[in-house]
């Protein structure tokens, strides 16, 4: 639900409980959206850097990305998984 803005405030208007609750909900919704955007932007920054690195190194045929937060879609055949640092050690 979008924020219900009120732009017709007058100097003597009373501020009600509903007004304050509406403000607080708007602030909370904005913070949730900001958190989602922050995560999406961070993921996009990693993807852009991956593509840039691949292009600058003339590695254009097999560009891939894996963040190793989990090993759900990776088959580890050599080395070991450092769960604390979320990385593979080979």
Foldseek 3Di string as FASTA:
>chain_A
DAQDDDDPDDPPDDQDPVNVVSVVVNVVVVVVVVVVVVVVVVVVVVVVVQVVVCVVVVNPPDRDDDQQCDCPPPDDDDADADNVVSDGDD
